[in-house]
Amino acid sequence: MGQFIIARSLKSWKRIRNAGVPLRVIQEISGHRSLASLQRYLEVSPEQKKAAIAALGY
């Protein structure tokens, strides 16, 4: 396998993001040069926001 994995669709990256894979890891395996270029393809769900706030103890 090469250095980068090529996703077949945007859904692939959303699926691994929703599985809890950190954005920095997705950036590395997708070959994006920056998080900014990757993040424009991914969205944050209300559930993910709630879970992040809950993890902070608020």
PDB file of N, CA and C in Angstrom:
ATOM      1  N   MET A   1       0.856  -1.181   0.000  1.00  0.00           N
ATOM      2  CA  MET A   1       0.000   0.000   0.000  1.00  0.00           C
ATOM      3  C   MET A   1       0.894   1.234   0.000  1.00  0.00           C
ATOM      4  N   GLY A   2       0.476   2.259  -0.698  1.00  0.00           N
ATOM      5  CA  GLY A   2       1.231   3.495  -0.765  1.00  0.00           C
ATOM      6  C   GLY A   2       1.154   4.294   0.513  1.00  0.00           C
ATOM      7  N   GLN A   3       1.740   5.461   0.488  1.00  0.00           N
ATOM      8  CA  GLN A   3       1.789   6.322   1.669  1.00  0.00           C
ATOM      9  C   GLN A   3       0.407   6.846   2.045  1.00  0.00           C
ATOM     10  N   PHE A   4      -0.457   7.058   1.077  1.00  0.00           N
ATOM     11  CA  PHE A   4      -1.773   7.628   1.343  1.00  0.00           C
ATOM     12  C   PHE A   4      -2.874   6.682   0.881  1.00  0.00           C
ATOM     13  N   ILE A   5      -3.978   6.745   1.553  1.00  0.00           N
ATOM     14  CA  ILE A   5      -5.160   5.977   1.166  1.00  0.00           C
ATOM     15  C   ILE A   5      -6.075   6.921   0.401  1.00  0.00           C
ATOM     16  N   ILE A   6      -6.572   6.487  -0.717  1.00  0.00           N
ATOM     17  CA  ILE A   6      -7.474   7.327  -1.503  1.00  0.00           C
ATOM     18  C   ILE A   6      -8.901   6.890  -1.233  1.00  0.00           C
ATOM     19  N   ALA A   7      -9.709   7.802  -0.723  1.00  0.00           N
ATOM     20  CA  ALA A   7     -11.113   7.486  -0.437  1.00  0.00           C
ATOM     21  C   ALA A   7     -11.888   7.413  -1.739  1.00  0.00           C
ATOM     22  N   ARG A   8     -12.875   6.549  -1.749  1.00  0.00           N
ATOM     23  CA  ARG A   8     -13.723   6.438  -2.933  1.00  0.00           C
ATOM     24  C   ARG A   8     -14.758   7.533  -2.962  1.00  0.00           C
ATOM     25  N   SER A   9     -15.090   8.063  -1.790  1.00  0.00           N
ATOM     26  CA  SER A   9     -16.089   9.119  -1.746  1.00  0.00           C
ATOM     27  C   SER A   9     -15.929   9.931  -0.481  1.00  0.00           C
ATOM     28  N   LEU A  10     -16.568  11.073  -0.469  1.00  0.00           N
ATOM     29  CA  LEU A  10     -16.575  11.928   0.714  1.00  0.00           C
ATOM     30  C   LEU A  10     -17.189  11.190   1.897  1.00  0.00           C
ATOM     31  N   LYS A  11     -18.143  10.304   1.631  1.00  0.00           N
ATOM     32  CA  LYS A  11     -18.780   9.543   2.703  1.00  0.00           C
ATOM     33  C   LYS A  11     -17.767   8.710   3.472  1.00  0.00           C
ATOM     34  N   SER A  12     -16.727   8.232   2.805  1.00  0.00           N
ATOM     35  CA  SER A  12     -15.702   7.436   3.483  1.00  0.00           C
ATOM     36  C   SER A  12     -15.027   8.245   4.577  1.00  0.00           C
ATOM     37  N   TRP A  13     -14.664   9.482   4.277  1.00  0.00           N
ATOM     38  CA  TRP A  13     -13.991  10.325   5.274  1.00  0.00           C
ATOM     39  C   TRP A  13     -14.957  10.703   6.384  1.00  0.00           C
ATOM     40  N   LYS A  14     -16.213  10.969   6.058  1.00  0.00           N
ATOM     41  CA  LYS A  14     -17.210  11.269   7.087  1.00  0.00           C
ATOM     42  C   LYS A  14     -17.414  10.075   7.994  1.00  0.00           C
ATOM     43  N   ARG A  15     -17.421   8.888   7.414  1.00  0.00           N
ATOM     44  CA  ARG A  15     -17.642   7.673   8.196  1.00  0.00           C
ATOM     45  C   ARG A  15     -16.498   7.446   9.190  1.00  0.00           C
ATOM     46  N   ILE A  16     -15.253   7.611   8.752  1.00  0.00           N
ATOM     47  CA  ILE A  16     -14.162   7.390   9.707  1.00  0.00           C
ATOM     48  C   ILE A  16     -14.090   8.523  10.729  1.00  0.00           C
ATOM     49  N   ARG A  17     -14.483   9.733  10.335  1.00  0.00           N
ATOM     50  CA  ARG A  17     -14.538  10.830  11.303  1.00  0.00           C
ATOM     51  C   ARG A  17     -15.601  10.552  12.348  1.00  0.00           C
ATOM     52  N   ASN A  18     -16.755  10.088  11.929  1.00  0.00           N
ATOM     53  CA  ASN A  18     -17.834   9.775  12.862  1.00  0.00           C
ATOM     54  C   ASN A  18     -17.488   8.592  13.752  1.00  0.00           C
ATOM     55  N   ALA A  19     -16.519   7.782  13.326  1.00  0.00           N
ATOM     56  CA  ALA A  19     -16.065   6.657  14.141  1.00  0.00           C
ATOM     57  C   ALA A  19     -15.086   7.112  15.222  1.00  0.00           C
ATOM     58  N   GLY A  20     -14.771   8.411  15.226  1.00  0.00           N
ATOM     59  CA  GLY A  20     -13.906   8.939  16.278  1.00  0.00           C
ATOM     60  C   GLY A  20     -12.444   9.088  15.891  1.00  0.00           C
ATOM     61  N   VAL A  21     -12.126   8.887  14.639  1.00  0.00           N
ATOM     62  CA  VAL A  21     -10.740   9.049  14.197  1.00  0.00           C
ATOM     63  C   VAL A  21     -10.405  10.539  14.204  1.00  0.00           C
ATOM     64  N   PRO A  22      -9.329  10.935  14.866  1.00  0.00           N
ATOM     65  CA  PRO A  22      -8.964  12.358  14.926  1.00  0.00           C
ATOM     66  C   PRO A  22      -8.720  12.958  13.533  1.00  0.00           C
ATOM     67  N   LEU A  23      -9.083  14.216  13.389  1.00  0.00           N
ATOM     68  CA  LEU A  23      -8.901  14.898  12.103  1.00  0.00           C
ATOM     69  C   LEU A  23      -7.450  14.858  11.630  1.00  0.00           C
ATOM     70  N   ARG A  24      -6.528  14.977  12.548  1.00  0.00           N
ATOM     71  CA  ARG A  24      -5.103  14.976  12.175  1.00  0.00           C
ATOM     72  C   ARG A  24      -4.718  13.648  11.522  1.00  0.00           C
ATOM     73  N   VAL A  25      -5.270  12.554  12.005  1.00  0.00           N
ATOM     74  CA  VAL A  25      -5.001  11.241  11.412  1.00  0.00           C
ATOM     75  C   VAL A  25      -5.627  11.152  10.023  1.00  0.00           C
ATOM     76  N   ILE A  26      -6.861  11.623   9.905  1.00  0.00           N
ATOM     77  CA  ILE A  26      -7.521  11.614   8.594  1.00  0.00           C
ATOM     78  C   ILE A  26      -6.740  12.469   7.610  1.00  0.00           C
ATOM     79  N   GLN A  27      -6.227  13.597   8.083  1.00  0.00           N
ATOM     80  CA  GLN A  27      -5.421  14.460   7.218  1.00  0.00           C
ATOM     81  C   GLN A  27      -4.215  13.702   6.681  1.00  0.00           C
ATOM     82  N   GLU A  28      -3.535  12.985   7.541  1.00  0.00           N
ATOM     83  CA  GLU A  28      -2.341  12.247   7.128  1.00  0.00           C
ATOM     84  C   GLU A  28      -2.668  11.170   6.108  1.00  0.00           C
ATOM     85  N   ILE A  29      -3.707  10.366   6.365  1.00  0.00           N
ATOM     86  CA  ILE A  29      -3.984   9.261   5.453  1.00  0.00           C
ATOM     87  C   ILE A  29      -4.678   9.703   4.177  1.00  0.00           C
ATOM     88  N   SER A  30      -5.293  10.883   4.189  1.00  0.00           N
ATOM     89  CA  SER A  30      -5.962  11.357   2.981  1.00  0.00           C
ATOM     90  C   SER A  30      -5.043  12.158   2.079  1.00  0.00           C
ATOM     91  N   GLY A  31      -3.910  12.594   2.644  1.00  0.00           N
ATOM     92  CA  GLY A  31      -2.964  13.348   1.835  1.00  0.00           C
ATOM     93  C   GLY A  31      -3.235  14.833   1.755  1.00  0.00           C
ATOM     94  N   HIS A  32      -4.194  15.348   2.550  1.00  0.00           N
ATOM     95  CA  HIS A  32      -4.444  16.786   2.562  1.00  0.00           C
ATOM     96  C   HIS A  32      -3.253  17.506   3.196  1.00  0.00           C
ATOM     97  N   ARG A  33      -2.884  18.623   2.637  1.00  0.00           N
ATOM     98  CA  ARG A  33      -1.730  19.366   3.151  1.00  0.00           C
ATOM     99  C   ARG A  33      -2.022  20.109   4.448  1.00  0.00           C
ATOM    100  N   SER A  34      -3.280  20.447   4.676  1.00  0.00           N
ATOM    101  CA  SER A  34      -3.620  21.186   5.886  1.00  0.00           C
ATOM    102  C   SER A  34      -4.971  20.716   6.418  1.00  0.00           C
ATOM    103  N   LEU A  35      -5.193  20.970   7.703  1.00  0.00           N
ATOM    104  CA  LEU A  35      -6.490  20.650   8.290  1.00  0.00           C
ATOM    105  C   LEU A  35      -7.581  21.506   7.666  1.00  0.00           C
ATOM    106  N   ALA A  36      -7.239  22.738   7.315  1.00  0.00           N
ATOM    107  CA  ALA A  36      -8.233  23.631   6.708  1.00  0.00           C
ATOM    108  C   ALA A  36      -8.769  23.043   5.402  1.00  0.00           C
ATOM    109  N   SER A  37      -7.888  22.462   4.604  1.00  0.00           N
ATOM    110  CA  SER A  37      -8.346  21.897   3.337  1.00  0.00           C
ATOM    111  C   SER A  37      -9.202  20.658   3.562  1.00  0.00           C
ATOM    112  N   LEU A  38      -8.948  19.922   4.619  1.00  0.00           N
ATOM    113  CA  LEU A  38      -9.747  18.747   4.940  1.00  0.00           C
ATOM    114  C   LEU A  38     -11.075  19.129   5.571  1.00  0.00           C
ATOM    115  N   GLN A  39     -11.055  20.070   6.482  1.00  0.00           N
ATOM    116  CA  GLN A  39     -12.247  20.407   7.244  1.00  0.00           C
ATOM    117  C   GLN A  39     -13.381  20.954   6.403  1.00  0.00           C
ATOM    118  N   ARG A  40     -13.069  21.518   5.269  1.00  0.00           N
ATOM    119  CA  ARG A  40     -14.162  22.045   4.445  1.00  0.00           C
ATOM    120  C   ARG A  40     -15.031  20.923   3.886  1.00  0.00           C
ATOM    121  N   TYR A  41     -14.533  19.683   3.919  1.00  0.00           N
ATOM    122  CA  TYR A  41     -15.313  18.542   3.442  1.00  0.00           C
ATOM    123  C   TYR A  41     -16.060  17.823   4.561  1.00  0.00           C
ATOM    124  N   LEU A  42     -15.742  18.140   5.799  1.00  0.00           N
ATOM    125  CA  LEU A  42     -16.332  17.439   6.939  1.00  0.00           C
ATOM    126  C   LEU A  42     -17.179  18.391   7.754  1.00  0.00           C
ATOM    127  N   GLU A  43     -18.228  17.866   8.336  1.00  0.00           N
ATOM    128  CA  GLU A  43     -19.090  18.690   9.174  1.00  0.00           C
ATOM    129  C   GLU A  43     -19.111  18.115  10.578  1.00  0.00           C
ATOM    130  N   VAL A  44     -19.469  18.931  11.533  1.00  0.00           N
ATOM    131  CA  VAL A  44     -19.570  18.510  12.918  1.00  0.00           C
ATOM    132  C   VAL A  44     -21.051  18.420  13.269  1.00  0.00           C
ATOM    133  N   SER A  45     -21.448  17.264  13.760  1.00  0.00           N
ATOM    134  CA  SER A  45     -22.857  17.071  14.088  1.00  0.00           C
ATOM    135  C   SER A  45     -23.159  17.644  15.470  1.00  0.00           C
ATOM    136  N   PRO A  46     -24.424  17.952  15.733  1.00  0.00           N
ATOM    137  CA  PRO A  46     -24.803  18.430  17.068  1.00  0.00           C
ATOM    138  C   PRO A  46     -24.438  17.414  18.159  1.00  0.00           C
ATOM    139  N   GLU A  47     -24.538  16.125  17.834  1.00  0.00           N
ATOM    140  CA  GLU A  47     -24.191  15.090  18.807  1.00  0.00           C
ATOM    141  C   GLU A  47     -22.703  15.135  19.155  1.00  0.00           C
ATOM    142  N   GLN A  48     -21.858  15.387  18.152  1.00  0.00           N
ATOM    143  CA  GLN A  48     -20.424  15.480  18.393  1.00  0.00           C
ATOM    144  C   GLN A  48     -20.105  16.685  19.281  1.00  0.00           C
ATOM    145  N   LYS A  49     -20.807  17.789  19.051  1.00  0.00           N
ATOM    146  CA  LYS A  49     -20.595  18.975  19.892  1.00  0.00           C
ATOM    147  C   LYS A  49     -20.999  18.692  21.334  1.00  0.00           C
ATOM    148  N   LYS A  50     -22.158  18.048  21.511  1.00  0.00           N
ATOM    149  CA  LYS A  50     -22.627  17.718  22.863  1.00  0.00           C
ATOM    150  C   LYS A  50     -21.651  16.791  23.571  1.00  0.00           C
ATOM    151  N   ALA A  51     -21.141  15.805  22.864  1.00  0.00           N
ATOM    152  CA  ALA A  51     -20.188  14.851  23.459  1.00  0.00           C
ATOM    153  C   ALA A  51     -18.896  15.553  23.859  1.00  0.00           C
ATOM    154  N   ALA A  52     -18.435  16.491  23.041  1.00  0.00           N
ATOM    155  CA  ALA A  52     -17.209  17.223  23.362  1.00  0.00           C
ATOM    156  C   ALA A  52     -17.405  18.097  24.600  1.00  0.00           C
ATOM    157  N   ILE A  53     -18.548  18.753  24.695  1.00  0.00           N
ATOM    158  CA  ILE A  53     -18.831  19.594  25.861  1.00  0.00           C
ATOM    159  C   ILE A  53     -18.976  18.727  27.106  1.00  0.00           C
ATOM    160  N   ALA A  54     -19.630  17.577  26.964  1.00  0.00           N
ATOM    161  CA  ALA A  54     -19.794  16.664  28.100  1.00  0.00           C
ATOM    162  C   ALA A  54     -18.439  16.145  28.593  1.00  0.00           C
ATOM    163  N   ALA A  55     -17.509  15.913  27.659  1.00  0.00           N
ATOM    164  CA  ALA A  55     -16.183  15.441  28.039  1.00  0.00           C
ATOM    165  C   ALA A  55     -15.417  16.474  28.860  1.00  0.00           C
ATOM    166  N   LEU A  56     -15.782  17.741  28.677  1.00  0.00           N
ATOM    167  CA  LEU A  56     -15.161  18.808  29.460  1.00  0.00           C
ATOM    168  C   LEU A  56     -15.756  18.934  30.851  1.00  0.00           C
ATOM    169  N   GLY A  57     -16.878  18.267  31.047  1.00  0.00           N
ATOM    170  CA  GLY A  57     -17.528  18.287  32.362  1.00  0.00           C
ATOM    171  C   GLY A  57     -18.491  19.437  32.556  1.00  0.00           C
ATOM    172  N   TYR A  58     -18.985  20.032  31.455  1.00  0.00           N
ATOM    173  CA  TYR A  58     -19.938  21.131  31.562  1.00  0.00           C
ATOM    174  C   TYR A  58     -21.355  20.659  31.351  1.00  0.00           C
TER     175      TYR A  58
END
